[in-house]
Amino acid sequence: SMQCYPGLVLVLSSLLGALALLQLSLYLRVPSRYGKHEERLCRPRGRLPARCAWFLQELPSFLVPALLLALRSPPRLEPLGCRLLCCLFCWHYFYRTFIYPFFTRGRPFPLQLLFFGMLFCIYNGFLQGYYLIYCAEYPNDWCTDIRFTSGLLLFLLGMGINIHSDLLLRQLRKPGEVTYKIPQGGLFTYVSGANYFGEIVEWFGFAIATWSLPAFAFACFTLCCIGPRAYHHHRYYLKTFTDYPKSRKALIPFVF
């Protein structure tokens, strides 16, 4: 049966940190080629409908930890803190896999980006699941530790912001519409990338709650991956809409 190899966790987490820096260097100046940034760049040949693409991309992040849990013998049920942390990760990706794709109204998604997205979700799903299910050790009172409670509150706050922002974005379009409009309401009052801000807060909350290298590496990857995208969204809105609110920031309210 599978067992914990701390060296493997260290190597995979370090590689994830390196991938974060690579993402930052690749997309800080030029946005990734999908959605509103696709028109200004060369169009990829193959695409899938957005709903199908998001479902396929996010599915491994839910299935891989579930499979690791099923393969563990005996099943890991204790401590409670470890079980809750694993559930938080799977909860996020249950929403992203089985709920979000069926409401999104995004444009068709490039197959090349879908392929790399699936690879990442397999990789990260394995790393986070493997660590929590086979390696993590928490005291029985971890659920009352300030790191767990504060991280959990940040996670829930970030997830709430992310889901609410996605709802506001969906309401901008009628079924079948693909035009872009100025987001309004919620945290969009202050930042152009409210949905991205919510997801970044969510995963840093998860990292604090788990207090682990894999989770912090994933939080940094999230910041380096979607942070630049929020910046490019902000620039797009400013260039496209003459009435775009000049007081809005790109990602962090009142700062950036």
Protein backbone atom coordinates (compact mmCIF):
# COMPACT_ATOMS: atom_id res chain seq x y z
CA SER A 1 0.00 0.00 0.00
CA MET A 2 1.03 3.61 -0.50
CA GLN A 3 2.90 5.34 2.30
CA CYS A 4 4.27 8.79 3.04
CA TYR A 5 7.56 9.90 1.50
CA PRO A 6 8.44 13.37 2.86
CA GLY A 7 11.10 13.79 0.19
CA LEU A 8 8.51 13.36 -2.53
CA VAL A 9 6.31 16.03 -0.94
CA LEU A 10 9.28 18.41 -0.78
CA VAL A 11 10.26 17.82 -4.42
CA LEU A 12 6.70 18.17 -5.76
CA SER A 13 6.07 21.30 -3.67
CA SER A 14 9.33 22.88 -4.83
CA LEU A 15 8.47 22.11 -8.44
CA LEU A 16 5.07 23.73 -7.93
CA GLY A 17 6.81 26.84 -6.60
CA ALA A 18 9.06 26.89 -9.66
CA LEU A 19 5.99 26.55 -11.91
CA ALA A 20 4.51 29.56 -10.12
CA LEU A 21 7.52 31.70 -11.01
CA LEU A 22 7.40 30.40 -14.58
CA GLN A 23 3.72 31.38 -14.85
CA LEU A 24 4.52 34.84 -13.55
CA SER A 25 7.34 35.35 -16.06
CA LEU A 26 5.23 34.08 -18.98
CA TYR A 27 2.01 35.97 -18.38
CA LEU A 28 2.97 39.17 -16.58
CA ARG A 29 3.47 41.02 -19.87
CA VAL A 30 1.35 38.94 -22.26
CA PRO A 31 -2.02 37.43 -21.19
CA SER A 32 -2.83 33.76 -21.69
CA ARG A 33 -4.71 33.26 -24.94
CA TYR A 34 -8.34 32.64 -24.12
CA GLY A 35 -11.48 34.63 -23.36
CA LYS A 36 -11.35 38.37 -23.91
CA HIS A 37 -7.63 38.27 -24.72
CA GLU A 38 -7.97 35.79 -27.58
CA GLU A 39 -9.09 38.29 -30.22
CA ARG A 40 -5.92 40.33 -30.05
CA LEU A 41 -3.69 37.30 -30.53
CA CYS A 42 -3.57 34.35 -32.92
CA ARG A 43 -6.58 32.09 -32.51
CA PRO A 44 -5.89 28.47 -31.54
CA ARG A 45 -7.19 25.89 -34.00
CA GLY A 46 -9.10 23.54 -31.72
CA ARG A 47 -11.64 24.52 -29.09
CA LEU A 48 -14.22 22.89 -26.86
CA PRO A 49 -17.40 24.51 -25.56
CA ALA A 50 -16.65 26.30 -22.30
CA ARG A 51 -18.90 24.10 -20.17
CA CYS A 52 -17.32 20.87 -21.39
CA ALA A 53 -13.79 22.28 -21.13
CA TRP A 54 -14.14 23.53 -17.55
CA PHE A 55 -15.70 20.22 -16.46
CA LEU A 56 -12.87 18.16 -17.97
CA GLN A 57 -10.16 20.47 -16.67
CA GLU A 58 -11.32 20.63 -13.05
CA LEU A 59 -12.44 16.99 -12.71
CA PRO A 60 -9.00 15.52 -11.83
CA SER A 61 -8.64 17.87 -8.84
CA PHE A 62 -11.73 16.23 -7.38
CA LEU A 63 -11.20 12.65 -8.54
CA VAL A 64 -7.49 12.22 -7.69
CA PRO A 65 -7.80 13.02 -3.93
CA ALA A 66 -10.99 10.90 -3.79
CA LEU A 67 -9.11 8.00 -5.40
CA LEU A 68 -6.16 8.39 -3.00
CA LEU A 69 -8.57 8.30 -0.07
CA ALA A 70 -10.29 5.20 -1.44
CA LEU A 71 -6.94 3.43 -1.92
CA ARG A 72 -5.76 4.10 1.63
CA SER A 73 -6.05 1.04 3.84
CA PRO A 74 -7.24 1.43 6.52
CA PRO A 75 -9.24 4.58 5.58
CA ARG A 76 -8.01 7.74 7.26
CA LEU A 77 -10.78 9.12 9.46
CA GLU A 78 -8.75 10.87 12.15
CA PRO A 79 -7.89 13.44 13.27
CA LEU A 80 -10.92 15.60 12.57
CA GLY A 81 -8.78 18.55 11.41
CA CYS A 82 -7.14 16.48 8.68
CA ARG A 83 -10.50 15.17 7.48
CA LEU A 84 -11.96 18.67 7.34
CA LEU A 85 -9.00 20.04 5.39
CA CYS A 86 -9.28 17.31 2.78
CA CYS A 87 -13.02 18.01 2.53
CA LEU A 88 -12.36 21.74 1.95
CA PHE A 89 -10.14 21.00 -1.03
CA CYS A 90 -12.63 18.53 -2.51
CA TRP A 91 -15.55 20.88 -1.76
CA HIS A 92 -13.97 23.63 -3.85
CA TYR A 93 -13.38 21.32 -6.78
CA PHE A 94 -16.80 19.69 -6.48
CA TYR A 95 -18.22 23.16 -7.10
CA ARG A 96 -15.74 23.91 -9.90
CA THR A 97 -16.40 20.53 -11.58
CA PHE A 98 -20.08 19.77 -11.12
CA ILE A 99 -21.72 23.19 -10.61
CA TYR A 100 -19.72 26.06 -12.14
CA PRO A 101 -19.30 24.59 -15.67
CA PHE A 102 -23.04 24.15 -16.15
CA PHE A 103 -23.73 27.84 -15.52
CA THR A 104 -20.76 29.45 -17.27
CA ARG A 105 -21.38 31.42 -20.47
CA GLY A 106 -17.77 31.75 -21.53
CA ARG A 107 -16.36 31.42 -25.01
CA PRO A 108 -15.07 28.11 -26.43
CA PHE A 109 -11.85 27.06 -24.72
CA PRO A 110 -8.55 26.25 -26.54
CA LEU A 111 -7.68 22.55 -26.44
CA GLN A 112 -4.01 23.26 -25.79
CA LEU A 113 -4.77 25.21 -22.62
CA LEU A 114 -7.29 22.56 -21.58
CA PHE A 115 -4.61 19.86 -21.88
CA PHE A 116 -2.12 21.75 -19.70
CA GLY A 117 -4.88 22.66 -17.25
CA MET A 118 -5.81 18.99 -16.84
CA LEU A 119 -2.16 18.03 -16.31
CA PHE A 120 -1.85 20.66 -13.60
CA CYS A 121 -5.05 19.54 -11.87
CA ILE A 122 -3.81 15.92 -11.85
CA TYR A 123 -0.46 17.06 -10.44
CA ASN A 124 -1.85 19.39 -7.79
CA GLY A 125 -4.71 17.07 -6.90
CA PHE A 126 -2.17 14.33 -6.23
CA LEU A 127 0.16 16.58 -4.23
CA GLN A 128 -2.52 18.06 -1.96
CA GLY A 129 -4.40 14.78 -1.57
CA TYR A 130 -1.27 12.70 -1.00
CA TYR A 131 0.01 15.06 1.67
CA LEU A 132 -3.29 15.33 3.57
CA ILE A 133 -4.25 11.66 3.31
CA TYR A 134 -0.86 9.98 3.79
CA CYS A 135 1.55 12.47 5.36
CA ALA A 136 -0.13 15.22 7.37
CA GLU A 137 -0.02 14.94 11.15
CA TYR A 138 -2.20 17.26 13.22
CA PRO A 139 -2.91 17.29 16.95
CA ASN A 140 -6.40 16.28 18.02
CA ASP A 141 -7.21 19.88 18.93
CA TRP A 142 -6.10 21.33 15.56
CA CYS A 143 -9.68 22.46 14.88
CA THR A 144 -9.33 25.02 17.69
CA ASP A 145 -5.86 26.22 16.65
CA ILE A 146 -5.78 29.87 15.51
CA ARG A 147 -4.15 28.82 12.24
CA PHE A 148 -7.00 26.45 11.44
CA THR A 149 -9.81 28.78 12.48
CA SER A 150 -8.39 31.91 10.81
CA GLY A 151 -7.49 29.94 7.66
CA LEU A 152 -10.96 28.41 7.53
CA LEU A 153 -12.59 31.84 7.80
CA LEU A 154 -10.38 33.17 4.99
CA PHE A 155 -11.16 30.12 2.86
CA LEU A 156 -14.91 30.55 3.31
CA LEU A 157 -14.69 34.31 2.72
CA GLY A 158 -12.66 33.81 -0.46
CA MET A 159 -14.96 31.10 -1.76
CA GLY A 160 -17.99 33.31 -1.09
CA ILE A 161 -16.41 36.22 -2.98
CA ASN A 162 -15.43 33.92 -5.85
CA ILE A 163 -18.89 32.36 -6.24
CA HIS A 164 -20.70 35.70 -5.90
CA SER A 165 -18.38 37.34 -8.44
CA ASP A 166 -18.92 34.48 -10.90
CA LEU A 167 -22.67 35.00 -10.50
CA LEU A 168 -22.35 38.72 -11.27
CA LEU A 169 -20.25 37.96 -14.36
CA ARG A 170 -22.82 35.45 -15.64
CA GLN A 171 -25.61 37.99 -15.22
CA LEU A 172 -23.82 40.35 -17.60
CA ARG A 173 -24.66 38.07 -20.54
CA LYS A 174 -27.88 36.74 -21.90
CA PRO A 175 -27.83 33.08 -23.07
CA GLY A 176 -25.84 32.84 -26.30
CA GLU A 177 -24.16 36.23 -25.86
CA VAL A 178 -20.34 36.43 -26.03
CA THR A 179 -19.82 40.20 -25.80
CA TYR A 180 -18.01 41.68 -22.81
CA LYS A 181 -19.51 44.29 -20.52
CA ILE A 182 -18.37 46.20 -17.45
CA PRO A 183 -18.84 44.07 -14.29
CA GLN A 184 -20.92 45.80 -11.61
CA GLY A 185 -21.73 45.14 -7.98
CA GLY A 186 -20.08 43.24 -5.17
CA LEU A 187 -16.31 43.51 -4.97
CA PHE A 188 -16.28 44.57 -8.64
CA THR A 189 -17.04 48.02 -7.27
CA TYR A 190 -13.42 48.14 -6.14
CA VAL A 191 -11.44 45.72 -8.34
CA SER A 192 -11.55 44.41 -11.91
CA GLY A 193 -10.60 40.87 -10.88
CA ALA A 194 -13.02 40.27 -7.98
CA ASN A 195 -13.45 36.58 -8.85
CA TYR A 196 -9.67 36.12 -8.97
CA PHE A 197 -9.19 38.00 -5.70
CA GLY A 198 -11.70 35.66 -4.04
CA GLU A 199 -9.90 32.54 -5.26
CA ILE A 200 -6.50 33.84 -4.13
CA VAL A 201 -7.89 34.63 -0.65
CA GLU A 202 -9.48 31.18 -0.60
CA TRP A 203 -6.27 29.28 -1.25
CA PHE A 204 -4.13 31.35 1.10
CA GLY A 205 -6.77 30.63 3.74
CA PHE A 206 -6.43 26.93 2.92
CA ALA A 207 -2.64 27.21 3.20
CA ILE A 208 -2.89 28.82 6.65
CA ALA A 209 -5.42 26.21 7.80
CA THR A 210 -3.22 23.31 6.65
CA TRP A 211 0.06 25.05 7.57
CA SER A 212 1.85 22.95 4.98
CA LEU A 213 4.38 23.47 2.20
CA PRO A 214 2.18 21.92 -0.54
CA ALA A 215 -0.72 24.24 0.26
CA PHE A 216 1.46 27.37 0.42
CA ALA A 217 3.09 26.41 -2.87
CA PHE A 218 -0.36 26.05 -4.43
CA ALA A 219 -1.50 29.40 -3.02
CA CYS A 220 1.57 31.09 -4.52
CA PHE A 221 0.91 29.34 -7.84
CA THR A 222 -2.67 30.64 -7.81
CA LEU A 223 -1.45 34.18 -7.14
CA CYS A 224 1.16 33.99 -9.92
CA CYS A 225 -1.28 32.41 -12.37
CA ILE A 226 -4.47 34.45 -12.03
CA GLY A 227 -2.96 37.62 -10.53
CA PRO A 228 -1.47 38.66 -13.90
CA ARG A 229 -4.76 37.75 -15.59
CA ALA A 230 -6.60 40.18 -13.31
CA TYR A 231 -4.06 42.84 -14.27
CA HIS A 232 -4.62 42.22 -18.00
CA HIS A 233 -8.40 42.23 -17.51
CA HIS A 234 -8.05 45.62 -15.85
CA ARG A 235 -6.03 47.01 -18.76
CA TYR A 236 -8.54 45.54 -21.25
CA TYR A 237 -11.47 47.25 -19.52
CA LEU A 238 -9.67 50.59 -19.36
CA LYS A 239 -8.83 50.46 -23.09
CA THR A 240 -12.20 49.11 -24.24
CA PHE A 241 -14.67 51.15 -22.19
CA THR A 242 -14.27 54.93 -22.00
CA ASP A 243 -16.68 55.01 -19.02
CA TYR A 244 -14.83 52.37 -17.02
CA PRO A 245 -14.48 53.52 -13.37
CA LYS A 246 -10.98 54.94 -12.96
CA SER A 247 -11.06 54.36 -9.19
CA ARG A 248 -11.04 50.56 -9.58
CA LYS A 249 -7.86 48.62 -8.92
CA ALA A 250 -6.78 45.51 -10.80
CA LEU A 251 -6.75 42.91 -8.01
CA ILE A 252 -6.40 44.16 -4.44
CA PRO A 253 -8.88 46.79 -3.20
CA PHE A 254 -7.30 50.21 -2.56
CA VAL A 255 -3.79 48.90 -3.35
CA PHE A 256 -3.24 47.33 -6.80
